[in-house]
Amino acid sequence: MQRNIVFVLLVILISCQGGEETENRIKIDLDESINGKFSEVFESIEYIILENPDESPLVWPYTLKYHTGNFWLRDITTNKIFKFSEEGNLKSVFKPLGKGPLEYFQVDDFQVFQDSIVLKDSYLKKFISFDHFGTPIKEHRFPLNSLHFHKGPGYTLHFLGYTSRNEGYLFQRISESTNDQFGVFPTDGSKEKLGIMEDPQGFLPLPDSDKLIYKLPLTREIAIFDGVNGSPISILEFDYGTYNLPEELIGQRIDKNQEPNSYVQANGAFLPLKNKFFLFVKQGQENSHYIFLDHSFSLLAQYQNLENDIDGLQIKSFPWASNEHEIFYLIRSLTFYNSYVETFANQKVKILPNTVHEFFQLNKAKLVDDNWIIIRLKLKD
């Protein structure tokens, strides 16, 4: 395997509209966030409790993906992949069976295609393709121990974490035909103190575009790639001014972050939608910012601590995934139960069809058990 070929970086800085932005830095004044309501942003809310059979329990789902009417979840405790219908019914379970041909031992990441799903096992250094029912199709070896991957036409992109094994780059691109390895986006090593850290989202395609985005864990940065050939486009940094976590505090525990208006340690979520991006920023313990930008990174709307005036439930979590028109939260059922009781204690509520109150009454026994809920928020056009 040749490892001495350096990928030529064609850094095309994205042009940002909006006055305050520089070529690769987007300034956002969090003090300008307004106190809005869910009804200004979202059209509807749906609660889905996931089927959780004893023979294949969902223990700790970490990666959530939506693909053509199904939810896919990776359990980081059991190394299983679960496929659920939109109603929460379990359709398939992919299980670690061993270290032999067409088997996997642990799953680090996965990617869903129209008729197949590709699992990455860095321990065995291979990809395995399955159909959507769990039947193995083929496997392909690769030379890296990585966290996230994206499989494109003839290549794979890999994020390895902030370690010296990255050989001076944040990402590595591997040619599928030759296994030649190329460094993508040089790094000065300053992020190594953040360690081997991953976010739930991984590589995400931009709708109606050939671009890919990747939110760099524990940072305010977003990496952008050309999805056709895996080449780098740019790294954008969000600048929150005086609320940026000081560089000397990066990687340390911060007592000041317990205060309401404190530092932003990192972007909480950055999710692609049909005609815009959704940026979620957690500022200290009190403030959650919901920021929308168009695909040129111009600011569209900026809210904080949105009030749920649709059904009144306090959603205490952060966004986990998206599709073109929806944002998904993933929470434990007991968290939902406690939030419901706290919100509606001593209130008279009407149990109407297709409401949070009906959902609570129908699933009360399951909610106090160890189950999981997907909250589905449909955005307004």
Protein backbone atom coordinates (compact mmCIF):
# COMPACT_ATOMS: atom_id res chain seq x y z
CA MET A 1 0.00 0.00 0.00
CA GLN A 2 1.38 3.36 -0.97
CA ARG A 3 1.07 5.93 1.80
CA ASN A 4 3.41 8.58 0.46
CA ILE A 5 1.01 10.17 -1.98
CA VAL A 6 -0.18 13.51 -0.70
CA PHE A 7 -3.64 14.55 -1.73
CA VAL A 8 -3.58 17.93 -3.45
CA LEU A 9 -5.72 20.29 -1.42
CA LEU A 10 -7.98 22.45 -3.49
CA VAL A 11 -9.36 24.62 -0.73
CA ILE A 12 -12.24 26.51 -2.23
CA LEU A 13 -13.45 28.90 0.42
CA ILE A 14 -17.19 29.22 0.48
CA SER A 15 -18.53 32.66 -0.21
CA CYS A 16 -20.70 33.81 2.68
CA GLN A 17 -23.40 36.42 2.35
CA GLY A 18 -24.32 38.61 5.25
CA GLY A 19 -21.74 41.35 5.82
CA GLU A 20 -20.04 40.16 9.00
CA GLU A 21 -18.77 36.86 7.63
CA THR A 22 -15.24 36.40 6.37
CA GLU A 23 -14.33 33.76 3.79
CA ASN A 24 -14.20 30.85 6.23
CA ARG A 25 -15.60 32.31 9.44
CA ILE A 26 -19.26 33.00 10.15
CA LYS A 27 -19.97 35.44 12.97
CA ILE A 28 -23.16 34.96 14.95
CA ASP A 29 -24.17 37.25 17.80
CA LEU A 30 -26.02 35.02 20.27
CA ASP A 31 -27.38 38.10 22.03
CA GLU A 32 -29.50 38.68 18.91
CA SER A 33 -31.42 35.41 19.39
CA ILE A 34 -35.10 36.05 20.05
CA ASN A 35 -37.47 34.11 22.31
CA GLY A 36 -39.65 32.39 19.77
CA LYS A 37 -42.28 29.67 19.74
CA PHE A 38 -42.38 26.21 18.20
CA SER A 39 -45.34 27.21 16.02
CA GLU A 40 -43.14 29.81 14.30
CA VAL A 41 -40.70 27.10 13.21
CA PHE A 42 -42.44 23.73 13.25
CA GLU A 43 -45.65 22.52 11.66
CA SER A 44 -46.22 19.45 13.84
CA ILE A 45 -44.78 17.15 16.53
CA GLU A 46 -45.00 13.37 16.57
CA TYR A 47 -43.85 10.97 19.31
CA ILE A 48 -42.74 7.46 18.36
CA ILE A 49 -41.92 4.81 20.95
CA LEU A 50 -39.57 2.17 19.57
CA GLU A 51 -40.39 -1.51 19.86
CA ASN A 52 -37.89 -3.07 22.26
CA PRO A 53 -38.10 -6.88 22.40
CA ASP A 54 -36.35 -8.76 25.23
CA GLU A 55 -34.38 -10.93 22.80
CA SER A 56 -32.79 -7.89 21.11
CA PRO A 57 -33.08 -4.94 23.48
CA LEU A 58 -32.13 -1.45 22.42
CA VAL A 59 -29.63 -0.49 25.12
CA TRP A 60 -27.74 2.65 24.12
CA PRO A 61 -28.58 3.95 20.63
CA TYR A 62 -26.09 6.55 19.50
CA THR A 63 -26.35 6.95 15.73
CA LEU A 64 -29.78 7.71 14.26
CA LYS A 65 -30.44 7.91 10.52
CA TYR A 66 -33.64 8.28 8.53
CA HIS A 67 -33.83 6.72 5.08
CA THR A 68 -36.92 6.47 2.87
CA GLY A 69 -39.47 5.78 5.56
CA ASN A 70 -37.31 3.88 8.05
CA PHE A 71 -35.25 4.75 11.11
CA TRP A 72 -31.84 3.12 11.50
CA LEU A 73 -30.03 3.10 14.85
CA ARG A 74 -26.58 1.93 15.94
CA ASP A 75 -26.36 0.61 19.51
CA ILE A 76 -22.87 1.30 20.88
CA THR A 77 -23.34 -1.16 23.75
CA THR A 78 -24.46 -4.24 21.82
CA ASN A 79 -22.87 -3.39 18.42
CA LYS A 80 -26.22 -4.04 16.76
CA ILE A 81 -27.95 -2.09 14.01
CA PHE A 82 -31.73 -1.73 14.29
CA LYS A 83 -34.16 -0.91 11.51
CA PHE A 84 -37.53 0.51 12.56
CA SER A 85 -40.59 1.57 10.62
CA GLU A 86 -41.91 5.11 10.94
CA GLU A 87 -44.38 3.78 13.50
CA GLY A 88 -41.54 2.38 15.65
CA ASN A 89 -42.02 -1.28 14.71
CA LEU A 90 -38.83 -3.32 14.61
CA LYS A 91 -38.14 -4.62 11.08
CA SER A 92 -34.56 -5.94 11.17
CA VAL A 93 -31.65 -6.43 13.57
CA PHE A 94 -28.05 -6.76 12.39
CA LYS A 95 -25.99 -8.65 14.97
CA PRO A 96 -22.23 -9.13 15.50
CA LEU A 97 -21.71 -12.83 14.80
CA GLY A 98 -17.94 -13.19 14.83
CA LYS A 99 -14.72 -12.50 12.95
CA GLY A 100 -15.17 -14.74 9.93
CA PRO A 101 -16.03 -13.98 6.30
CA LEU A 102 -19.15 -11.81 5.90
CA GLU A 103 -19.29 -11.38 9.69
CA TYR A 104 -18.57 -8.37 11.85
CA PHE A 105 -17.37 -8.14 15.44
CA GLN A 106 -18.05 -4.48 16.23
CA VAL A 107 -19.68 -1.71 14.24
CA ASP A 108 -18.22 1.81 14.30
CA ASP A 109 -20.42 3.45 11.69
CA PHE A 110 -22.84 2.60 8.90
CA GLN A 111 -24.24 4.08 5.72
CA VAL A 112 -27.64 3.32 4.21
CA PHE A 113 -28.17 3.04 0.45
CA GLN A 114 -31.34 2.37 -1.53
CA ASP A 115 -31.02 -1.43 -1.48
CA SER A 116 -28.15 -2.05 0.95
CA ILE A 117 -26.45 -0.97 4.14
CA VAL A 118 -22.68 -0.85 4.63
CA LEU A 119 -21.24 -1.48 8.12
CA LYS A 120 -17.69 -0.54 9.10
CA ASP A 121 -15.76 -2.73 11.53
CA SER A 122 -12.46 -1.00 12.33
CA TYR A 123 -11.42 -3.87 14.60
CA LEU A 124 -11.44 -6.25 11.63
CA LYS A 125 -10.61 -3.41 9.20
CA LYS A 126 -13.38 -4.20 6.75
CA PHE A 127 -16.68 -3.03 5.33
CA ILE A 128 -19.55 -5.49 5.01
CA SER A 129 -22.54 -4.86 2.75
CA PHE A 130 -25.95 -6.28 3.70
CA ASP A 131 -29.34 -6.04 2.11
CA HIS A 132 -32.02 -4.30 4.18
CA PHE A 133 -33.14 -7.62 5.65
CA GLY A 134 -29.71 -8.48 7.11
CA THR A 135 -28.39 -10.89 4.49
CA PRO A 136 -24.65 -10.29 3.87
CA ILE A 137 -23.66 -9.49 0.30
CA LYS A 138 -19.92 -8.79 0.21
CA GLU A 139 -17.02 -7.41 2.22
CA HIS A 140 -14.14 -5.10 1.44
CA ARG A 141 -10.91 -4.62 3.41
CA PHE A 142 -9.47 -1.22 4.31
CA PRO A 143 -6.29 -0.23 6.19
CA LEU A 144 -7.59 2.26 8.78
CA ASN A 145 -8.96 2.27 12.31
CA SER A 146 -11.45 5.13 11.97
CA LEU A 147 -14.50 6.58 13.70
CA HIS A 148 -16.75 7.79 10.86
CA PHE A 149 -16.70 7.06 7.15
CA HIS A 150 -18.43 7.99 3.94
CA LYS A 151 -18.46 5.66 0.95
CA GLY A 152 -18.50 7.52 -2.35
CA PRO A 153 -17.96 6.42 -5.96
CA GLY A 154 -14.58 4.71 -5.86
CA TYR A 155 -13.41 6.13 -2.54
CA THR A 156 -14.06 6.28 1.20
CA LEU A 157 -13.50 9.24 3.51
CA HIS A 158 -12.50 8.59 7.12
CA PHE A 159 -12.34 10.62 10.32
CA LEU A 160 -9.93 9.13 12.86
CA GLY A 161 -10.27 11.54 15.78
CA TYR A 162 -7.74 14.10 16.91
CA THR A 163 -4.69 11.87 17.24
CA SER A 164 -1.16 11.72 15.88
CA ARG A 165 -2.11 8.67 13.82
CA ASN A 166 -3.82 11.08 11.43
CA GLU A 167 -0.31 11.84 10.11
CA GLY A 168 -0.88 15.59 9.99
CA TYR A 169 -4.40 15.53 8.53
CA LEU A 170 -7.91 15.65 9.95
CA PHE A 171 -9.27 13.13 7.44
CA GLN A 172 -8.00 10.36 5.22
CA ARG A 173 -9.31 9.41 1.80
CA ILE A 174 -8.80 5.85 0.55
CA SER A 175 -9.01 4.77 -3.08
CA GLU A 176 -11.27 1.74 -3.21
CA SER A 177 -9.43 0.10 -6.11
CA THR A 178 -5.85 0.47 -4.82
CA ASN A 179 -6.18 1.23 -1.07
CA ASP A 180 -3.88 4.22 -1.63
CA GLN A 181 -4.33 6.66 1.26
CA PHE A 182 -4.41 10.45 0.99
CA GLY A 183 -4.45 13.08 3.73
CA VAL A 184 -7.31 15.61 3.61
CA PHE A 185 -7.31 18.98 5.45
CA PRO A 186 -3.92 19.51 7.14
CA THR A 187 -3.85 20.04 10.90
CA ASP A 188 -1.25 21.57 13.17
CA GLY A 189 -1.99 19.09 15.95
CA SER A 190 -3.67 21.67 18.20
CA LYS A 191 -6.81 19.54 18.42
CA GLU A 192 -5.01 16.47 19.79
CA LYS A 193 -5.93 17.45 23.36
CA LEU A 194 -9.56 16.77 22.40
CA GLY A 195 -8.70 13.11 21.90
CA ILE A 196 -10.61 10.40 20.05
CA MET A 197 -14.07 11.89 20.07
CA GLU A 198 -17.04 11.35 17.77
CA ASP A 199 -20.46 12.94 17.34
CA PRO A 200 -23.63 11.03 16.47
CA GLN A 201 -24.08 12.62 13.05
CA GLY A 202 -20.96 11.69 11.05
CA PHE A 203 -20.79 12.55 7.33
CA LEU A 204 -24.04 14.00 5.99
CA PRO A 205 -25.00 14.67 2.36
CA LEU A 206 -26.41 18.06 1.47
CA PRO A 207 -29.84 17.69 -0.23
CA ASP A 208 -29.90 18.47 -3.97
CA SER A 209 -26.13 18.85 -3.99
CA ASP A 210 -22.94 16.83 -4.44
CA LYS A 211 -21.50 18.26 -1.22
CA LEU A 212 -20.91 16.47 2.09
CA ILE A 213 -20.65 18.11 5.51
CA TYR A 214 -18.97 16.87 8.67
CA LYS A 215 -19.29 18.58 12.05
CA LEU A 216 -15.88 18.38 13.72
CA PRO A 217 -16.47 17.05 17.26
CA LEU A 218 -15.96 19.40 20.22
CA THR A 219 -15.29 22.36 17.93
CA ARG A 220 -17.17 25.20 16.26
CA GLU A 221 -16.02 23.97 12.83
CA ILE A 222 -17.72 22.30 9.87
CA ALA A 223 -15.77 20.48 7.14
CA ILE A 224 -17.21 20.51 3.62
CA PHE A 225 -16.31 18.03 0.87
CA ASP A 226 -17.06 17.33 -2.75
CA GLY A 227 -19.03 14.10 -2.54
CA VAL A 228 -18.25 13.08 -6.12
CA ASN A 229 -14.52 12.56 -5.57
CA GLY A 230 -14.02 13.13 -1.84
CA SER A 231 -11.87 16.24 -2.29
CA PRO A 232 -11.88 19.02 0.35
CA ILE A 233 -13.76 22.25 -0.23
CA SER A 234 -13.47 24.23 3.00
CA ILE A 235 -13.56 24.27 6.78
CA LEU A 236 -15.94 26.87 8.19
CA GLU A 237 -15.69 28.13 11.75
CA PHE A 238 -18.61 29.67 13.61
CA ASP A 239 -17.55 32.68 15.66
CA TYR A 240 -19.70 33.56 18.69
CA GLY A 241 -17.51 36.46 19.75
CA THR A 242 -17.13 36.83 23.51
CA TYR A 243 -18.98 33.53 23.98
CA ASN A 244 -16.32 31.48 22.19
CA LEU A 245 -14.64 29.12 24.61
CA PRO A 246 -11.13 30.56 25.22
CA GLU A 247 -8.45 28.43 23.62
CA GLU A 248 -6.64 27.84 26.92
CA LEU A 249 -9.82 26.22 28.32
CA ILE A 250 -10.37 23.80 25.44
CA GLY A 251 -10.34 20.25 26.71
CA GLN A 252 -10.76 21.32 30.35
CA ARG A 253 -13.70 21.21 32.73
CA ILE A 254 -15.21 24.68 32.95
CA ASP A 255 -17.02 25.78 36.10
CA LYS A 256 -18.07 29.01 34.40
CA ASN A 257 -20.13 26.96 31.96
CA GLN A 258 -22.63 26.34 34.71
CA GLU A 259 -23.71 29.96 34.38
CA PRO A 260 -26.71 30.86 32.16
CA ASN A 261 -24.86 33.08 29.68
CA SER A 262 -21.61 31.24 29.40
CA TYR A 263 -19.19 29.98 26.79
CA VAL A 264 -20.05 27.89 23.78
CA GLN A 265 -17.74 24.90 23.89
CA ALA A 266 -18.82 23.52 20.52
CA ASN A 267 -21.64 23.42 17.99
CA GLY A 268 -24.30 21.08 19.36
CA ALA A 269 -25.71 19.95 16.00
CA PHE A 270 -25.39 21.02 12.39
CA LEU A 271 -27.99 19.36 10.19
CA PRO A 272 -28.70 19.78 6.47
CA LEU A 273 -32.31 20.44 5.38
CA LYS A 274 -33.96 20.96 2.00
CA ASN A 275 -33.14 24.64 1.53
CA LYS A 276 -31.25 25.48 4.71
CA PHE A 277 -29.04 24.35 7.56
CA PHE A 278 -30.06 23.96 11.17
CA LEU A 279 -27.46 24.93 13.76
CA PHE A 280 -28.12 24.05 17.39
CA VAL A 281 -25.96 25.79 19.97
CA LYS A 282 -25.98 25.09 23.69
CA GLN A 283 -24.78 28.10 25.68
CA GLY A 284 -24.02 27.11 29.25
CA GLN A 285 -26.79 25.32 31.15
CA GLU A 286 -29.68 27.63 30.35
CA ASN A 287 -29.70 28.79 26.75
CA SER A 288 -30.38 26.67 23.66
CA HIS A 289 -30.12 28.50 20.33
CA TYR A 290 -31.96 27.40 17.19
CA ILE A 291 -30.26 29.01 14.21
CA PHE A 292 -31.24 28.61 10.56
CA LEU A 293 -28.99 29.50 7.62
CA ASP A 294 -29.47 29.09 3.90
CA HIS A 295 -27.07 26.95 1.86
CA SER A 296 -24.87 30.01 1.29
CA PHE A 297 -24.61 30.33 5.09
CA SER A 298 -26.65 33.52 5.24
CA LEU A 299 -28.60 33.90 8.48
CA LEU A 300 -32.34 33.23 8.06
CA ALA A 301 -33.62 33.10 11.65
CA GLN A 302 -32.19 32.95 15.14
CA TYR A 303 -34.11 31.84 18.24
CA GLN A 304 -33.31 30.84 21.79
CA ASN A 305 -35.17 28.61 24.25
CA LEU A 306 -38.11 28.01 21.93
CA GLU A 307 -41.39 27.65 23.77
CA ASN A 308 -43.36 24.58 22.76
CA ASP A 309 -46.74 26.17 22.18
CA ILE A 310 -47.86 23.26 19.96
CA ASP A 311 -48.46 20.76 22.76
CA GLY A 312 -46.68 22.32 25.75
CA LEU A 313 -44.16 19.53 26.44
CA GLN A 314 -40.69 20.59 27.53
CA ILE A 315 -38.21 18.83 25.24
CA LYS A 316 -34.97 18.50 27.20
CA SER A 317 -32.56 17.14 24.65
CA PHE A 318 -30.66 18.15 21.54
CA PRO A 319 -31.41 17.33 17.89
CA TRP A 320 -30.02 13.98 16.80
CA ALA A 321 -30.70 13.74 13.05
CA SER A 322 -32.69 15.19 10.17
CA ASN A 323 -34.11 14.57 6.75
CA GLU A 324 -34.97 17.23 4.20
CA HIS A 325 -38.02 18.52 6.08
CA GLU A 326 -37.79 17.19 9.64
CA ILE A 327 -35.62 17.21 12.75
CA PHE A 328 -35.45 14.19 15.06
CA TYR A 329 -34.75 14.00 18.78
CA LEU A 330 -33.87 10.70 20.50
CA ILE A 331 -34.62 10.41 24.23
CA ARG A 332 -35.14 7.78 26.87
CA SER A 333 -38.76 7.01 27.63
CA LEU A 334 -38.29 7.77 31.33
CA THR A 335 -36.94 11.22 30.42
CA PHE A 336 -40.11 11.78 28.40
CA TYR A 337 -42.26 10.51 31.28
CA ASN A 338 -40.63 12.82 33.81
CA SER A 339 -40.86 15.80 31.47
CA TYR A 340 -44.54 15.12 30.83
CA VAL A 341 -45.34 14.82 34.55
CA GLU A 342 -43.35 17.96 35.35
CA THR A 343 -45.03 19.93 32.58
CA PHE A 344 -48.64 18.88 33.10
CA ALA A 345 -48.78 18.17 36.85
CA ASN A 346 -52.01 19.49 38.42
CA GLN A 347 -53.42 20.42 35.01
CA LYS A 348 -56.62 19.15 33.47
CA VAL A 349 -55.83 17.84 30.01
CA LYS A 350 -58.07 16.53 27.24
CA ILE A 351 -57.11 13.13 25.81
CA LEU A 352 -57.66 13.91 22.15
CA PRO A 353 -56.48 11.70 19.26
CA ASN A 354 -52.95 12.22 17.94
CA THR A 355 -51.83 14.39 20.84
CA VAL A 356 -49.04 14.10 23.38
CA HIS A 357 -51.68 13.31 26.01
CA GLU A 358 -53.05 10.35 24.05
CA PHE A 359 -49.49 9.13 23.46
CA PHE A 360 -48.77 9.32 27.19
CA GLN A 361 -51.93 7.46 28.17
CA LEU A 362 -51.48 4.72 25.57
CA ASN A 363 -47.83 4.10 26.44
CA LYS A 364 -47.68 4.88 30.16
CA ALA A 365 -46.43 1.41 31.16
CA LYS A 366 -43.72 1.43 28.49
CA LEU A 367 -42.59 4.94 29.38
CA VAL A 368 -41.48 3.98 32.89
CA ASP A 369 -39.52 1.04 31.46
CA ASP A 370 -36.16 1.25 29.69
CA ASN A 371 -37.38 2.23 26.23
CA TRP A 372 -36.55 4.90 23.66
CA ILE A 373 -38.58 7.59 21.92
CA ILE A 374 -38.03 9.47 18.68
CA ILE A 375 -39.55 12.97 18.62
CA ARG A 376 -40.30 14.02 15.08
CA LEU A 377 -40.58 17.75 14.35
CA LYS A 378 -41.80 18.77 10.91
CA LEU A 379 -40.51 22.16 9.79
CA LYS A 380 -42.63 24.81 8.19
CA ASP A 381 -41.83 25.57 4.55
